[in-house]
PDB file of N, CA and C in Angstrom:
ATOM      1  N   MET A   1      -8.690 -44.900  23.080  1.00  0.00           N
ATOM      2  CA  MET A   1      -9.153 -45.850  22.071  1.00  0.00           C
ATOM      3  C   MET A   1     -10.069 -45.136  21.078  1.00  0.00           C
ATOM      4  N   LEU A   2      -9.843 -45.356  19.804  1.00  0.00           N
ATOM      5  CA  LEU A   2     -10.657 -44.736  18.767  1.00  0.00           C
ATOM      6  C   LEU A   2     -11.950 -45.507  18.561  1.00  0.00           C
ATOM      7  N   LYS A   3     -12.996 -44.758  18.274  1.00  0.00           N
ATOM      8  CA  LYS A   3     -14.281 -45.397  17.977  1.00  0.00           C
ATOM      9  C   LYS A   3     -14.209 -46.102  16.632  1.00  0.00           C
ATOM     10  N   LYS A   4     -15.084 -47.077  16.450  1.00  0.00           N
ATOM     11  CA  LYS A   4     -15.166 -47.779  15.163  1.00  0.00           C
ATOM     12  C   LYS A   4     -15.441 -46.805  14.030  1.00  0.00           C
ATOM     13  N   SER A   5     -16.298 -45.797  14.279  1.00  0.00           N
ATOM     14  CA  SER A   5     -16.699 -44.879  13.214  1.00  0.00           C
ATOM     15  C   SER A   5     -15.519 -44.094  12.657  1.00  0.00           C
ATOM     16  N   THR A   6     -14.480 -43.913  13.453  1.00  0.00           N
ATOM     17  CA  THR A   6     -13.308 -43.183  12.990  1.00  0.00           C
ATOM     18  C   THR A   6     -12.693 -43.872  11.782  1.00  0.00           C
ATOM     19  N   TYR A   7     -12.776 -45.171  11.749  1.00  0.00           N
ATOM     20  CA  TYR A   7     -12.187 -45.925  10.652  1.00  0.00           C
ATOM     21  C   TYR A   7     -13.091 -45.966   9.424  1.00  0.00           C
ATOM     22  N   ILE A   8     -14.387 -45.818   9.617  1.00  0.00           N
ATOM     23  CA  ILE A   8     -15.344 -45.986   8.526  1.00  0.00           C
ATOM     24  C   ILE A   8     -15.749 -44.661   7.893  1.00  0.00           C
ATOM     25  N   TRP A   9     -16.035 -43.671   8.723  1.00  0.00           N
ATOM     26  CA  TRP A   9     -16.616 -42.418   8.242  1.00  0.00           C
ATOM     27  C   TRP A   9     -15.620 -41.271   8.353  1.00  0.00           C
ATOM     28  N   PRO A  10     -15.347 -40.597   7.235  1.00  0.00           N
ATOM     29  CA  PRO A  10     -14.506 -39.401   7.307  1.00  0.00           C
ATOM     30  C   PRO A  10     -15.197 -38.325   8.152  1.00  0.00           C
ATOM     31  N   GLU A  11     -14.400 -37.445   8.721  1.00  0.00           N
ATOM     32  CA  GLU A  11     -14.941 -36.369   9.556  1.00  0.00           C
ATOM     33  C   GLU A  11     -15.969 -35.538   8.785  1.00  0.00           C
ATOM     34  N   LYS A  12     -15.738 -35.342   7.491  1.00  0.00           N
ATOM     35  CA  LYS A  12     -16.673 -34.550   6.684  1.00  0.00           C
ATOM     36  C   LYS A  12     -18.066 -35.174   6.699  1.00  0.00           C
ATOM     37  N   ILE A  13     -18.152 -36.491   6.626  1.00  0.00           N
ATOM     38  CA  ILE A  13     -19.444 -37.182   6.653  1.00  0.00           C
ATOM     39  C   ILE A  13     -20.131 -36.945   7.989  1.00  0.00           C
ATOM     40  N   GLN A  14     -19.379 -37.035   9.072  1.00  0.00           N
ATOM     41  CA  GLN A  14     -19.948 -36.797  10.398  1.00  0.00           C
ATOM     42  C   GLN A  14     -20.472 -35.369  10.517  1.00  0.00           C
ATOM     43  N   LEU A  15     -19.728 -34.406   9.997  1.00  0.00           N
ATOM     44  CA  LEU A  15     -20.159 -33.005  10.042  1.00  0.00           C
ATOM     45  C   LEU A  15     -21.392 -32.770   9.172  1.00  0.00           C
ATOM     46  N   LEU A  16     -21.420 -33.379   7.992  1.00  0.00           N
ATOM     47  CA  LEU A  16     -22.581 -33.230   7.112  1.00  0.00           C
ATOM     48  C   LEU A  16     -23.835 -33.842   7.732  1.00  0.00           C
ATOM     49  N   ALA A  17     -23.685 -34.996   8.357  1.00  0.00           N
ATOM     50  CA  ALA A  17     -24.829 -35.634   9.018  1.00  0.00           C
ATOM     51  C   ALA A  17     -25.346 -34.754  10.148  1.00  0.00           C
ATOM     52  N   LYS A  18     -24.434 -34.180  10.912  1.00  0.00           N
ATOM     53  CA  LYS A  18     -24.834 -33.292  12.012  1.00  0.00           C
ATOM     54  C   LYS A  18     -25.542 -32.053  11.474  1.00  0.00           C
ATOM     55  N   GLU A  19     -25.004 -31.479  10.400  1.00  0.00           N
ATOM     56  CA  GLU A  19     -25.613 -30.292   9.802  1.00  0.00           C
ATOM     57  C   GLU A  19     -27.014 -30.603   9.272  1.00  0.00           C
ATOM     58  N   LEU A  20     -27.169 -31.723   8.585  1.00  0.00           N
ATOM     59  CA  LEU A  20     -28.480 -32.113   8.071  1.00  0.00           C
ATOM     60  C   LEU A  20     -29.447 -32.376   9.222  1.00  0.00           C
ATOM     61  N   HIS A  21     -28.971 -33.035  10.261  1.00  0.00           N
ATOM     62  CA  HIS A  21     -29.808 -33.293  11.440  1.00  0.00           C
ATOM     63  C   HIS A  21     -30.299 -31.980  12.039  1.00  0.00           C
ATOM     64  N   ASN A  22     -29.403 -31.007  12.163  1.00  0.00           N
ATOM     65  CA  ASN A  22     -29.782 -29.703  12.715  1.00  0.00           C
ATOM     66  C   ASN A  22     -30.806 -28.989  11.843  1.00  0.00           C
ATOM     67  N   GLU A  23     -30.701 -29.118  10.536  1.00  0.00           N
ATOM     68  CA  GLU A  23     -31.633 -28.461   9.617  1.00  0.00           C
ATOM     69  C   GLU A  23     -33.007 -29.125   9.617  1.00  0.00           C
ATOM     70  N   ILE A  24     -33.044 -30.440   9.723  1.00  0.00           N
ATOM     71  CA  ILE A  24     -34.306 -31.184   9.627  1.00  0.00           C
ATOM     72  C   ILE A  24     -35.061 -31.231  10.947  1.00  0.00           C
ATOM     73  N   SER A  25     -34.342 -31.263  12.056  1.00  0.00           N
ATOM     74  CA  SER A  25     -34.992 -31.418  13.362  1.00  0.00           C
ATOM     75  C   SER A  25     -35.971 -30.285  13.649  1.00  0.00           C
ATOM     76  N   LEU A  26     -37.094 -30.660  14.230  1.00  0.00           N
ATOM     77  CA  LEU A  26     -38.073 -29.662  14.638  1.00  0.00           C
ATOM     78  C   LEU A  26     -37.535 -28.913  15.848  1.00  0.00           C
ATOM     79  N   ASN A  27     -37.911 -27.636  15.939  1.00  0.00           N
ATOM     80  CA  ASN A  27     -37.454 -26.817  17.056  1.00  0.00           C
ATOM     81  C   ASN A  27     -38.605 -25.955  17.569  1.00  0.00           C
ATOM     82  N   ASN A  28     -38.315 -25.067  18.484  1.00  0.00           N
ATOM     83  CA  ASN A  28     -39.354 -24.212  19.067  1.00  0.00           C
ATOM     84  C   ASN A  28     -40.038 -23.325  18.035  1.00  0.00           C
ATOM     85  N   TYR A  29     -39.356 -23.014  16.953  1.00  0.00           N
ATOM     86  CA  TYR A  29     -39.890 -22.090  15.963  1.00  0.00           C
ATOM     87  C   TYR A  29     -40.771 -22.760  14.916  1.00  0.00           C
ATOM     88  N   ASN A  30     -40.537 -24.035  14.632  1.00  0.00           N
ATOM     89  CA  ASN A  30     -41.323 -24.684  13.578  1.00  0.00           C
ATOM     90  C   ASN A  30     -42.143 -25.874  14.069  1.00  0.00           C
ATOM     91  N   TRP A  31     -42.148 -26.109  15.380  1.00  0.00           N
ATOM     92  CA  TRP A  31     -42.851 -27.266  15.943  1.00  0.00           C
ATOM     93  C   TRP A  31     -44.319 -27.295  15.541  1.00  0.00           C
ATOM     94  N   HIS A  32     -45.026 -26.195  15.741  1.00  0.00           N
ATOM     95  CA  HIS A  32     -46.461 -26.178  15.459  1.00  0.00           C
ATOM     96  C   HIS A  32     -46.754 -26.301  13.963  1.00  0.00           C
ATOM     97  N   LYS A  33     -45.849 -25.806  13.144  1.00  0.00           N
ATOM     98  CA  LYS A  33     -46.041 -25.870  11.697  1.00  0.00           C
ATOM     99  C   LYS A  33     -45.867 -27.291  11.160  1.00  0.00           C
ATOM    100  N   PHE A  34     -44.900 -28.041  11.686  1.00  0.00           N
ATOM    101  CA  PHE A  34     -44.535 -29.334  11.111  1.00  0.00           C
ATOM    102  C   PHE A  34     -44.809 -30.545  11.996  1.00  0.00           C
ATOM    103  N   ARG A  35     -45.345 -30.359  13.192  1.00  0.00           N
ATOM    104  CA  ARG A  35     -45.468 -31.481  14.129  1.00  0.00           C
ATOM    105  C   ARG A  35     -46.317 -32.624  13.594  1.00  0.00           C
ATOM    106  N   GLY A  36     -47.266 -32.346  12.717  1.00  0.00           N
ATOM    107  CA  GLY A  36     -48.108 -33.396  12.164  1.00  0.00           C
ATOM    108  C   GLY A  36     -47.736 -33.811  10.753  1.00  0.00           C
ATOM    109  N   ASN A  37     -46.658 -33.259  10.227  1.00  0.00           N
ATOM    110  CA  ASN A  37     -46.241 -33.539   8.853  1.00  0.00           C
ATOM    111  C   ASN A  37     -45.448 -34.843   8.813  1.00  0.00           C
ATOM    112  N   LYS A  38     -46.015 -35.853   8.165  1.00  0.00           N
ATOM    113  CA  LYS A  38     -45.375 -37.176   8.185  1.00  0.00           C
ATOM    114  C   LYS A  38     -44.011 -37.179   7.509  1.00  0.00           C
ATOM    115  N   GLN A  39     -43.826 -36.372   6.471  1.00  0.00           N
ATOM    116  CA  GLN A  39     -42.524 -36.330   5.807  1.00  0.00           C
ATOM    117  C   GLN A  39     -41.461 -35.730   6.727  1.00  0.00           C
ATOM    118  N   ARG A  40     -41.810 -34.621   7.374  1.00  0.00           N
ATOM    119  CA  ARG A  40     -40.843 -33.983   8.273  1.00  0.00           C
ATOM    120  C   ARG A  40     -40.528 -34.869   9.470  1.00  0.00           C
ATOM    121  N   ARG A  41     -41.556 -35.456  10.064  1.00  0.00           N
ATOM    122  CA  ARG A  41     -41.347 -36.279  11.253  1.00  0.00           C
ATOM    123  C   ARG A  41     -40.547 -37.537  10.919  1.00  0.00           C
ATOM    124  N   SER A  42     -40.862 -38.175   9.787  1.00  0.00           N
ATOM    125  CA  SER A  42     -40.110 -39.377   9.418  1.00  0.00           C
ATOM    126  C   SER A  42     -38.677 -39.020   9.019  1.00  0.00           C
ATOM    127  N   ALA A  43     -38.486 -37.911   8.310  1.00  0.00           N
ATOM    128  CA  ALA A  43     -37.131 -37.489   7.935  1.00  0.00           C
ATOM    129  C   ALA A  43     -36.291 -37.185   9.170  1.00  0.00           C
ATOM    130  N   GLU A  44     -36.910 -36.552  10.156  1.00  0.00           N
ATOM    131  CA  GLU A  44     -36.206 -36.246  11.402  1.00  0.00           C
ATOM    132  C   GLU A  44     -35.724 -37.534  12.082  1.00  0.00           C
ATOM    133  N   LEU A  45     -36.571 -38.535  12.105  1.00  0.00           N
ATOM    134  CA  LEU A  45     -36.203 -39.814  12.720  1.00  0.00           C
ATOM    135  C   LEU A  45     -35.146 -40.552  11.905  1.00  0.00           C
ATOM    136  N   ILE A  46     -35.265 -40.493  10.582  1.00  0.00           N
ATOM    137  CA  ILE A  46     -34.297 -41.179   9.715  1.00  0.00           C
ATOM    138  C   ILE A  46     -32.911 -40.555   9.840  1.00  0.00           C
ATOM    139  N   ILE A  47     -32.821 -39.219   9.822  1.00  0.00           N
ATOM    140  CA  ILE A  47     -31.502 -38.591   9.957  1.00  0.00           C
ATOM    141  C   ILE A  47     -30.941 -38.820  11.356  1.00  0.00           C
ATOM    142  N   SER A  48     -31.809 -38.946  12.346  1.00  0.00           N
ATOM    143  CA  SER A  48     -31.338 -39.293  13.691  1.00  0.00           C
ATOM    144  C   SER A  48     -30.724 -40.688  13.692  1.00  0.00           C
ATOM    145  N   ALA A  49     -31.364 -41.611  12.992  1.00  0.00           N
ATOM    146  CA  ALA A  49     -30.831 -42.973  12.894  1.00  0.00           C
ATOM    147  C   ALA A  49     -29.497 -42.979  12.146  1.00  0.00           C
ATOM    148  N   ILE A  50     -29.409 -42.219  11.070  1.00  0.00           N
ATOM    149  CA  ILE A  50     -28.154 -42.134  10.312  1.00  0.00           C
ATOM    150  C   ILE A  50     -27.051 -41.550  11.189  1.00  0.00           C
ATOM    151  N   SER A  51     -27.370 -40.496  11.913  1.00  0.00           N
ATOM    152  CA  SER A  51     -26.379 -39.888  12.805  1.00  0.00           C
ATOM    153  C   SER A  51     -25.904 -40.876  13.862  1.00  0.00           C
ATOM    154  N   GLN A  52     -26.843 -41.629  14.425  1.00  0.00           N
ATOM    155  CA  GLN A  52     -26.477 -42.644  15.412  1.00  0.00           C
ATOM    156  C   GLN A  52     -25.585 -43.718  14.780  1.00  0.00           C
ATOM    157  N   LEU A  53     -25.927 -44.132  13.570  1.00  0.00           N
ATOM    158  CA  LEU A  53     -25.154 -45.161  12.873  1.00  0.00           C
ATOM    159  C   LEU A  53     -23.720 -44.694  12.624  1.00  0.00           C
ATOM    160  N   ILE A  54     -23.583 -43.469  12.146  1.00  0.00           N
ATOM    161  CA  ILE A  54     -22.270 -42.906  11.845  1.00  0.00           C
ATOM    162  C   ILE A  54     -21.430 -42.733  13.107  1.00  0.00           C
ATOM    163  N   ASN A  55     -22.090 -42.486  14.226  1.00  0.00           N
ATOM    164  CA  ASN A  55     -21.378 -42.222  15.479  1.00  0.00           C
ATOM    165  C   ASN A  55     -21.413 -43.396  16.452  1.00  0.00           C
ATOM    166  N   ASP A  56     -21.506 -44.602  15.911  1.00  0.00           N
ATOM    167  CA  ASP A  56     -21.460 -45.830  16.714  1.00  0.00           C
ATOM    168  C   ASP A  56     -22.570 -45.918  17.751  1.00  0.00           C
ATOM    169  N   GLY A  57     -23.764 -45.494  17.360  1.00  0.00           N
ATOM    170  CA  GLY A  57     -24.901 -45.589  18.265  1.00  0.00           C
ATOM    171  C   GLY A  57     -25.327 -47.025  18.506  1.00  0.00           C
ATOM    172  N   ASP A  58     -26.219 -47.179  19.444  1.00  0.00           N
ATOM    173  CA  ASP A  58     -26.741 -48.491  19.807  1.00  0.00           C
ATOM    174  C   ASP A  58     -27.640 -49.030  18.693  1.00  0.00           C
ATOM    175  N   ASP A  59     -27.403 -50.269  18.269  1.00  0.00           N
ATOM    176  CA  ASP A  59     -28.173 -50.871  17.174  1.00  0.00           C
ATOM    177  C   ASP A  59     -29.669 -50.889  17.462  1.00  0.00           C
ATOM    178  N   ALA A  60     -30.046 -51.206  18.686  1.00  0.00           N
ATOM    179  CA  ALA A  60     -31.470 -51.269  19.039  1.00  0.00           C
ATOM    180  C   ALA A  60     -32.112 -49.889  18.947  1.00  0.00           C
ATOM    181  N   GLU A  61     -31.392 -48.856  19.364  1.00  0.00           N
ATOM    182  CA  GLU A  61     -31.922 -47.494  19.283  1.00  0.00           C
ATOM    183  C   GLU A  61     -32.074 -47.059  17.828  1.00  0.00           C
ATOM    184  N   ILE A  62     -31.106 -47.407  16.997  1.00  0.00           N
ATOM    185  CA  ILE A  62     -31.177 -47.086  15.568  1.00  0.00           C
ATOM    186  C   ILE A  62     -32.393 -47.762  14.947  1.00  0.00           C
ATOM    187  N   GLU A  63     -32.589 -49.022  15.272  1.00  0.00           N
ATOM    188  CA  GLU A  63     -33.745 -49.761  14.755  1.00  0.00           C
ATOM    189  C   GLU A  63     -35.054 -49.134  15.236  1.00  0.00           C
ATOM    190  N   ASP A  64     -35.108 -48.728  16.491  1.00  0.00           N
ATOM    191  CA  ASP A  64     -36.315 -48.079  17.021  1.00  0.00           C
ATOM    192  C   ASP A  64     -36.628 -46.788  16.273  1.00  0.00           C
ATOM    193  N   LEU A  65     -35.604 -45.990  15.992  1.00  0.00           N
ATOM    194  CA  LEU A  65     -35.809 -44.746  15.249  1.00  0.00           C
ATOM    195  C   LEU A  65     -36.362 -45.030  13.850  1.00  0.00           C
ATOM    196  N   LEU A  66     -35.798 -46.026  13.181  1.00  0.00           N
ATOM    197  CA  LEU A  66     -36.262 -46.366  11.833  1.00  0.00           C
ATOM    198  C   LEU A  66     -37.685 -46.925  11.852  1.00  0.00           C
ATOM    199  N   ASN A  67     -37.989 -47.746  12.840  1.00  0.00           N
ATOM    200  CA  ASN A  67     -39.357 -48.270  12.957  1.00  0.00           C
ATOM    201  C   ASN A  67     -40.358 -47.154  13.223  1.00  0.00           C
ATOM    202  N   GLN A  68     -39.978 -46.200  14.049  1.00  0.00           N
ATOM    203  CA  GLN A  68     -40.851 -45.058  14.332  1.00  0.00           C
ATOM    204  C   GLN A  68     -41.071 -44.237  13.053  1.00  0.00           C
ATOM    205  N   ALA A  69     -40.014 -44.066  12.256  1.00  0.00           N
ATOM    206  CA  ALA A  69     -40.132 -43.339  10.988  1.00  0.00           C
ATOM    207  C   ALA A  69     -41.102 -44.051  10.048  1.00  0.00           C
ATOM    208  N   ILE A  70     -41.029 -45.362  10.000  1.00  0.00           N
ATOM    209  CA  ILE A  70     -41.939 -46.139   9.149  1.00  0.00           C
ATOM    210  C   ILE A  70     -43.382 -45.954   9.590  1.00  0.00           C
ATOM    211  N   LEU A  71     -43.609 -45.920  10.889  1.00  0.00           N
ATOM    212  CA  LEU A  71     -44.971 -45.689  11.392  1.00  0.00           C
ATOM    213  C   LEU A  71     -45.498 -44.327  10.957  1.00  0.00           C
ATOM    214  N   TRP A  72     -44.652 -43.311  10.957  1.00  0.00           N
ATOM    215  CA  TRP A  72     -45.064 -41.990  10.475  1.00  0.00           C
ATOM    216  C   TRP A  72     -45.383 -42.040   8.977  1.00  0.00           C
ATOM    217  N   ILE A  73     -44.521 -42.697   8.208  1.00  0.00           N
ATOM    218  CA  ILE A  73     -44.727 -42.790   6.761  1.00  0.00           C
ATOM    219  C   ILE A  73     -46.046 -43.485   6.444  1.00  0.00           C
ATOM    220  N   LYS A  74     -46.348 -44.537   7.176  1.00  0.00           N
ATOM    221  CA  LYS A  74     -47.591 -45.292   6.961  1.00  0.00           C
ATOM    222  C   LYS A  74     -48.804 -44.617   7.594  1.00  0.00           C
ATOM    223  N   GLU A  75     -48.564 -43.494   8.259  1.00  0.00           N
ATOM    224  CA  GLU A  75     -49.612 -42.758   8.971  1.00  0.00           C
ATOM    225  C   GLU A  75     -50.285 -43.607  10.043  1.00  0.00           C
ATOM    226  N   GLU A  76     -49.496 -44.496  10.644  1.00  0.00           N
ATOM    227  CA  GLU A  76     -50.002 -45.323  11.735  1.00  0.00           C
ATOM    228  C   GLU A  76     -49.879 -44.616  13.077  1.00  0.00           C
ATOM    229  N   ILE A  77     -49.117 -43.530  13.103  1.00  0.00           N
ATOM    230  CA  ILE A  77     -49.085 -42.650  14.265  1.00  0.00           C
ATOM    231  C   ILE A  77     -49.230 -41.223  13.783  1.00  0.00           C
ATOM    232  N   LYS A  78     -49.776 -40.387  14.628  1.00  0.00           N
ATOM    233  CA  LYS A  78     -49.961 -38.974  14.307  1.00  0.00           C
ATOM    234  C   LYS A  78     -49.760 -38.166  15.571  1.00  0.00           C
ATOM    235  N   ASP A  79     -49.424 -36.914  15.397  1.00  0.00           N
ATOM    236  CA  ASP A  79     -49.284 -36.019  16.531  1.00  0.00           C
ATOM    237  C   ASP A  79     -50.668 -35.649  17.040  1.00  0.00           C
ATOM    238  N   THR A  80     -50.868 -35.774  18.326  1.00  0.00           N
ATOM    239  CA  THR A  80     -52.185 -35.482  18.904  1.00  0.00           C
ATOM    240  C   THR A  80     -52.351 -34.015  19.257  1.00  0.00           C
ATOM    241  N   GLY A  81     -51.309 -33.232  19.090  1.00  0.00           N
ATOM    242  CA  GLY A  81     -51.398 -31.807  19.377  1.00  0.00           C
ATOM    243  C   GLY A  81     -51.129 -31.487  20.832  1.00  0.00           C
ATOM    244  N   CYS A  82     -51.081 -30.216  21.110  1.00  0.00           N
ATOM    245  CA  CYS A  82     -50.830 -29.744  22.468  1.00  0.00           C
ATOM    246  C   CYS A  82     -52.154 -29.612  23.210  1.00  0.00           C
ATOM    247  N   LYS A  83     -52.213 -30.138  24.403  1.00  0.00           N
ATOM    248  CA  LYS A  83     -53.438 -30.068  25.193  1.00  0.00           C
ATOM    249  C   LYS A  83     -53.714 -28.656  25.684  1.00  0.00           C
ATOM    250  N   SER A  84     -52.689 -27.836  25.794  1.00  0.00           N
ATOM    251  CA  SER A  84     -52.866 -26.475  26.303  1.00  0.00           C
ATOM    252  C   SER A  84     -53.264 -25.477  25.220  1.00  0.00           C
ATOM    253  N   HIS A  85     -53.377 -25.927  23.966  1.00  0.00           N
ATOM    254  CA  HIS A  85     -53.733 -25.010  22.867  1.00  0.00           C
ATOM    255  C   HIS A  85     -55.133 -25.288  22.379  1.00  0.00           C
TER     256      HIS A  85
END
């Protein structure tokens, strides 16, 4: 059985979303540099929500990601840092 997204999103869109997600997501190399940056953190959550939407993700999870992104944008949450540093 084909997923719903197969009918809506061309494969190119799915690949582009994955590529953008990989570029925006924080990793071991840039975590300390960007962990408190509200633009980076909110963008990471937003592209995660878009990726979930394109790939038939759970609606509640998509909404949670977007709500978390809004909290970062409003600076209502912040990274508390690493306790070991």
